[in-house]
Amino acid sequence: MKVEEKLGKNVFKVDKEGHIKINHEICRAKCKPKYCLTVCPAKVYSLDQNGDVQANPDGCLECGTCVLSCLETALTWHYPKASFGVQYRFS
């Protein structure tokens, strides 16, 4: 079974309050490489029409890779509240 098929079995329960916050001032002023756009395995991050990084945490795998890759600490990330987030299905 391919990785995409395995990930497709996961269930996501989305909270209205996102668990990812971006400090756009820091991101705009200091972060040139914007690694979060490329390292996130769930492709949670994208650029809007103004060139600002936006996060859509609905499909977040909660791995924390984005926080580790953010050299300027513009991201604030925490696990979603209890009963929200990803539920991994292994079979």
N, C-alpha and C. Protein backbone atom coordinates (compact mmCIF):
# COMPACT_ATOMS: atom_id res chain seq x y z
N MET A 1 0.85 -1.18 0.00
CA MET A 1 0.00 0.00 0.00
C MET A 1 0.90 1.24 0.00
N LYS A 2 0.56 2.20 -0.84
CA LYS A 2 1.34 3.43 -0.94
C LYS A 2 1.07 4.34 0.25
N VAL A 3 2.01 5.25 0.52
CA VAL A 3 1.88 6.18 1.63
C VAL A 3 0.62 7.02 1.50
N GLU A 4 0.33 7.47 0.28
CA GLU A 4 -0.86 8.29 0.07
C GLU A 4 -2.13 7.56 0.44
N GLU A 5 -2.18 6.26 0.13
CA GLU A 5 -3.35 5.45 0.47
C GLU A 5 -3.49 5.29 1.99
N LYS A 6 -2.36 5.11 2.67
CA LYS A 6 -2.38 4.99 4.13
C LYS A 6 -2.84 6.29 4.77
N LEU A 7 -2.30 7.41 4.29
CA LEU A 7 -2.70 8.70 4.85
C LEU A 7 -4.16 9.00 4.55
N GLY A 8 -4.68 8.50 3.46
CA GLY A 8 -6.07 8.71 3.10
C GLY A 8 -7.05 8.06 4.05
N LYS A 9 -6.59 7.13 4.85
CA LYS A 9 -7.45 6.46 5.83
C LYS A 9 -7.57 7.24 7.14
N ASN A 10 -6.71 8.21 7.33
CA ASN A 10 -6.75 9.01 8.57
C ASN A 10 -8.03 9.82 8.64
N VAL A 11 -8.44 10.12 9.87
CA VAL A 11 -9.63 10.93 10.11
C VAL A 11 -9.18 12.22 10.78
N PHE A 12 -9.72 13.36 10.35
CA PHE A 12 -9.38 14.65 10.92
C PHE A 12 -10.62 15.27 11.54
N LYS A 13 -10.52 15.63 12.81
CA LYS A 13 -11.60 16.36 13.48
C LYS A 13 -11.08 17.77 13.70
N VAL A 14 -11.67 18.72 12.99
CA VAL A 14 -11.15 20.08 12.95
C VAL A 14 -11.80 20.94 14.03
N ASP A 15 -10.96 21.66 14.76
CA ASP A 15 -11.41 22.62 15.76
C ASP A 15 -11.51 23.99 15.10
N LYS A 16 -12.51 24.77 15.47
CA LYS A 16 -12.66 26.12 14.89
C LYS A 16 -11.45 26.99 15.21
N GLU A 17 -10.90 26.82 16.41
CA GLU A 17 -9.68 27.55 16.78
C GLU A 17 -8.49 26.76 16.28
N GLY A 18 -7.76 27.32 15.36
CA GLY A 18 -6.61 26.62 14.82
C GLY A 18 -5.51 26.44 15.86
N HIS A 19 -4.70 25.43 15.68
CA HIS A 19 -3.60 25.19 16.61
C HIS A 19 -2.26 25.70 16.06
N ILE A 20 -2.34 26.41 14.93
CA ILE A 20 -1.15 27.00 14.32
C ILE A 20 -1.38 28.50 14.18
N LYS A 21 -0.44 29.29 14.68
CA LYS A 21 -0.50 30.74 14.55
C LYS A 21 0.77 31.21 13.86
N ILE A 22 0.63 32.19 12.98
CA ILE A 22 1.77 32.75 12.26
C ILE A 22 1.89 34.22 12.61
N ASN A 23 3.07 34.63 13.06
CA ASN A 23 3.35 36.04 13.28
C ASN A 23 3.81 36.59 11.93
N HIS A 24 2.89 37.22 11.20
CA HIS A 24 3.19 37.67 9.84
C HIS A 24 4.24 38.77 9.79
N GLU A 25 4.34 39.58 10.83
CA GLU A 25 5.37 40.62 10.84
C GLU A 25 6.76 40.00 10.83
N ILE A 26 6.98 39.01 11.68
CA ILE A 26 8.28 38.34 11.72
C ILE A 26 8.51 37.59 10.41
N CYS A 27 7.50 36.90 9.95
CA CYS A 27 7.63 36.10 8.72
C CYS A 27 8.00 36.99 7.53
N ARG A 28 7.32 38.11 7.39
CA ARG A 28 7.59 39.02 6.27
C ARG A 28 8.98 39.64 6.37
N ALA A 29 9.32 40.11 7.56
CA ALA A 29 10.54 40.90 7.73
C ALA A 29 11.81 40.05 7.76
N LYS A 30 11.74 38.86 8.36
CA LYS A 30 12.98 38.12 8.62
C LYS A 30 13.13 36.83 7.84
N CYS A 31 12.03 36.18 7.49
CA CYS A 31 12.13 34.84 6.90
C CYS A 31 12.11 34.91 5.38
N LYS A 32 13.24 34.67 4.79
CA LYS A 32 13.31 34.65 3.33
C LYS A 32 13.09 33.24 2.76
N PRO A 33 13.66 32.16 3.35
CA PRO A 33 13.50 30.85 2.72
C PRO A 33 12.10 30.24 2.87
N LYS A 34 11.36 30.61 3.92
CA LYS A 34 10.01 30.09 4.16
C LYS A 34 9.96 28.57 4.00
N TYR A 35 10.77 27.90 4.81
CA TYR A 35 10.88 26.45 4.75
C TYR A 35 9.57 25.73 5.02
N CYS A 36 8.68 26.35 5.80
CA CYS A 36 7.41 25.70 6.12
C CYS A 36 6.63 25.33 4.87
N LEU A 37 6.82 26.09 3.80
CA LEU A 37 6.09 25.82 2.55
C LEU A 37 6.50 24.50 1.91
N THR A 38 7.72 24.07 2.17
CA THR A 38 8.21 22.86 1.49
C THR A 38 8.38 21.66 2.41
N VAL A 39 8.58 21.86 3.71
CA VAL A 39 8.86 20.72 4.58
C VAL A 39 7.61 20.06 5.14
N CYS A 40 6.50 20.72 5.14
CA CYS A 40 5.28 20.16 5.71
C CYS A 40 4.78 19.00 4.85
N PRO A 41 4.71 17.79 5.41
CA PRO A 41 4.27 16.65 4.60
C PRO A 41 2.78 16.72 4.23
N ALA A 42 2.00 17.51 4.97
CA ALA A 42 0.56 17.63 4.69
C ALA A 42 0.24 18.84 3.83
N LYS A 43 1.25 19.61 3.45
CA LYS A 43 1.05 20.81 2.62
C LYS A 43 0.05 21.77 3.25
N VAL A 44 0.22 22.00 4.56
CA VAL A 44 -0.67 22.89 5.32
C VAL A 44 -0.42 24.36 4.97
N TYR A 45 0.80 24.69 4.56
CA TYR A 45 1.18 26.08 4.34
C TYR A 45 1.17 26.45 2.87
N SER A 46 0.74 27.68 2.60
CA SER A 46 0.73 28.20 1.23
C SER A 46 0.92 29.71 1.28
N LEU A 47 1.20 30.29 0.13
CA LEU A 47 1.31 31.74 0.02
C LEU A 47 0.01 32.30 -0.51
N ASP A 48 -0.45 33.41 0.09
CA ASP A 48 -1.64 34.06 -0.45
C ASP A 48 -1.22 35.03 -1.55
N GLN A 49 -2.17 35.75 -2.12
CA GLN A 49 -1.87 36.65 -3.23
C GLN A 49 -0.95 37.80 -2.86
N ASN A 50 -0.83 38.11 -1.55
CA ASN A 50 0.07 39.17 -1.10
C ASN A 50 1.46 38.65 -0.76
N GLY A 51 1.66 37.35 -0.87
CA GLY A 51 2.96 36.77 -0.54
C GLY A 51 3.11 36.39 0.92
N ASP A 52 2.01 36.43 1.69
CA ASP A 52 2.05 36.04 3.10
C ASP A 52 1.79 34.55 3.23
N VAL A 53 2.47 33.92 4.18
CA VAL A 53 2.25 32.51 4.45
C VAL A 53 0.94 32.34 5.20
N GLN A 54 0.12 31.41 4.73
CA GLN A 54 -1.15 31.09 5.39
C GLN A 54 -1.13 29.61 5.76
N ALA A 55 -1.82 29.28 6.84
CA ALA A 55 -1.90 27.89 7.29
C ALA A 55 -3.35 27.43 7.26
N ASN A 56 -3.55 26.24 6.71
CA ASN A 56 -4.85 25.58 6.75
C ASN A 56 -4.65 24.29 7.54
N PRO A 57 -4.85 24.34 8.86
CA PRO A 57 -4.49 23.20 9.72
C PRO A 57 -5.43 22.01 9.63
N ASP A 58 -6.41 22.04 8.74
CA ASP A 58 -7.40 20.96 8.66
C ASP A 58 -6.77 19.59 8.43
N GLY A 59 -5.70 19.51 7.66
CA GLY A 59 -5.07 18.23 7.37
C GLY A 59 -3.73 18.04 8.05
N CYS A 60 -3.49 18.81 9.11
CA CYS A 60 -2.20 18.75 9.82
C CYS A 60 -1.97 17.36 10.41
N LEU A 61 -0.77 16.81 10.19
CA LEU A 61 -0.41 15.50 10.73
C LEU A 61 0.20 15.59 12.12
N GLU A 62 0.33 16.80 12.65
CA GLU A 62 0.83 17.05 14.01
C GLU A 62 2.24 16.52 14.24
N CYS A 63 3.08 16.65 13.23
CA CYS A 63 4.45 16.15 13.34
C CYS A 63 5.41 17.19 13.93
N GLY A 64 5.07 18.49 13.82
CA GLY A 64 5.93 19.55 14.36
C GLY A 64 7.08 19.95 13.46
N THR A 65 7.14 19.41 12.26
CA THR A 65 8.22 19.74 11.34
C THR A 65 8.27 21.23 11.03
N CYS A 66 7.11 21.85 10.92
CA CYS A 66 7.04 23.28 10.59
C CYS A 66 7.72 24.13 11.66
N VAL A 67 7.49 23.80 12.91
CA VAL A 67 8.08 24.58 14.01
C VAL A 67 9.60 24.44 14.00
N LEU A 68 10.07 23.24 13.75
CA LEU A 68 11.52 23.01 13.70
C LEU A 68 12.16 23.73 12.52
N SER A 69 11.43 23.86 11.43
CA SER A 69 12.00 24.49 10.24
C SER A 69 11.92 26.02 10.26
N CYS A 70 11.11 26.58 11.15
CA CYS A 70 10.94 28.04 11.20
C CYS A 70 12.11 28.67 11.94
N LEU A 71 13.06 29.18 11.18
CA LEU A 71 14.29 29.71 11.77
C LEU A 71 14.06 30.99 12.57
N GLU A 72 13.02 31.72 12.28
CA GLU A 72 12.77 33.01 12.92
C GLU A 72 11.69 32.94 14.00
N THR A 73 11.26 31.74 14.34
CA THR A 73 10.20 31.52 15.34
C THR A 73 8.94 32.35 15.08
N ALA A 74 8.55 32.41 13.83
CA ALA A 74 7.32 33.11 13.46
C ALA A 74 6.09 32.23 13.66
N LEU A 75 6.31 30.92 13.82
CA LEU A 75 5.20 29.98 14.01
C LEU A 75 5.02 29.63 15.48
N THR A 76 3.77 29.59 15.89
CA THR A 76 3.42 29.06 17.20
C THR A 76 2.54 27.86 16.93
N TRP A 77 2.93 26.71 17.43
CA TRP A 77 2.22 25.47 17.16
C TRP A 77 2.03 24.72 18.47
N HIS A 78 0.87 24.15 18.64
CA HIS A 78 0.62 23.27 19.79
C HIS A 78 -0.33 22.18 19.33
N TYR A 79 -0.41 21.11 20.10
CA TYR A 79 -1.34 20.05 19.74
C TYR A 79 -2.77 20.57 19.84
N PRO A 80 -3.66 20.09 19.00
CA PRO A 80 -5.07 20.50 19.09
C PRO A 80 -5.67 20.06 20.44
N LYS A 81 -6.77 20.70 20.78
CA LYS A 81 -7.46 20.34 22.02
C LYS A 81 -7.88 18.87 21.97
N ALA A 82 -8.15 18.32 23.15
CA ALA A 82 -8.55 16.91 23.26
C ALA A 82 -9.70 16.61 22.32
N SER A 83 -9.63 15.48 21.70
CA SER A 83 -10.59 14.92 20.75
C SER A 83 -10.56 15.61 19.38
N PHE A 84 -9.68 16.57 19.17
CA PHE A 84 -9.54 17.22 17.87
C PHE A 84 -8.21 16.81 17.25
N GLY A 85 -8.07 17.06 15.98
CA GLY A 85 -6.83 16.76 15.27
C GLY A 85 -6.92 15.48 14.47
N VAL A 86 -5.76 14.90 14.20
CA VAL A 86 -5.69 13.72 13.35
C VAL A 86 -5.90 12.46 14.20
N GLN A 87 -6.61 11.51 13.62
CA GLN A 87 -6.76 10.17 14.21
C GLN A 87 -6.21 9.20 13.17
N TYR A 88 -5.07 8.60 13.51
CA TYR A 88 -4.41 7.72 12.55
C TYR A 88 -5.13 6.37 12.47
N ARG A 89 -5.32 5.90 11.25
CA ARG A 89 -5.93 4.59 10.99
C ARG A 89 -4.86 3.74 10.31
N PHE A 90 -4.48 2.65 10.93
CA PHE A 90 -3.36 1.85 10.43
C PHE A 90 -3.77 0.64 9.62
N SER A 91 -5.03 0.33 9.55
CA SER A 91 -5.40 -0.89 8.79
C SER A 91 -6.12 -0.55 7.51
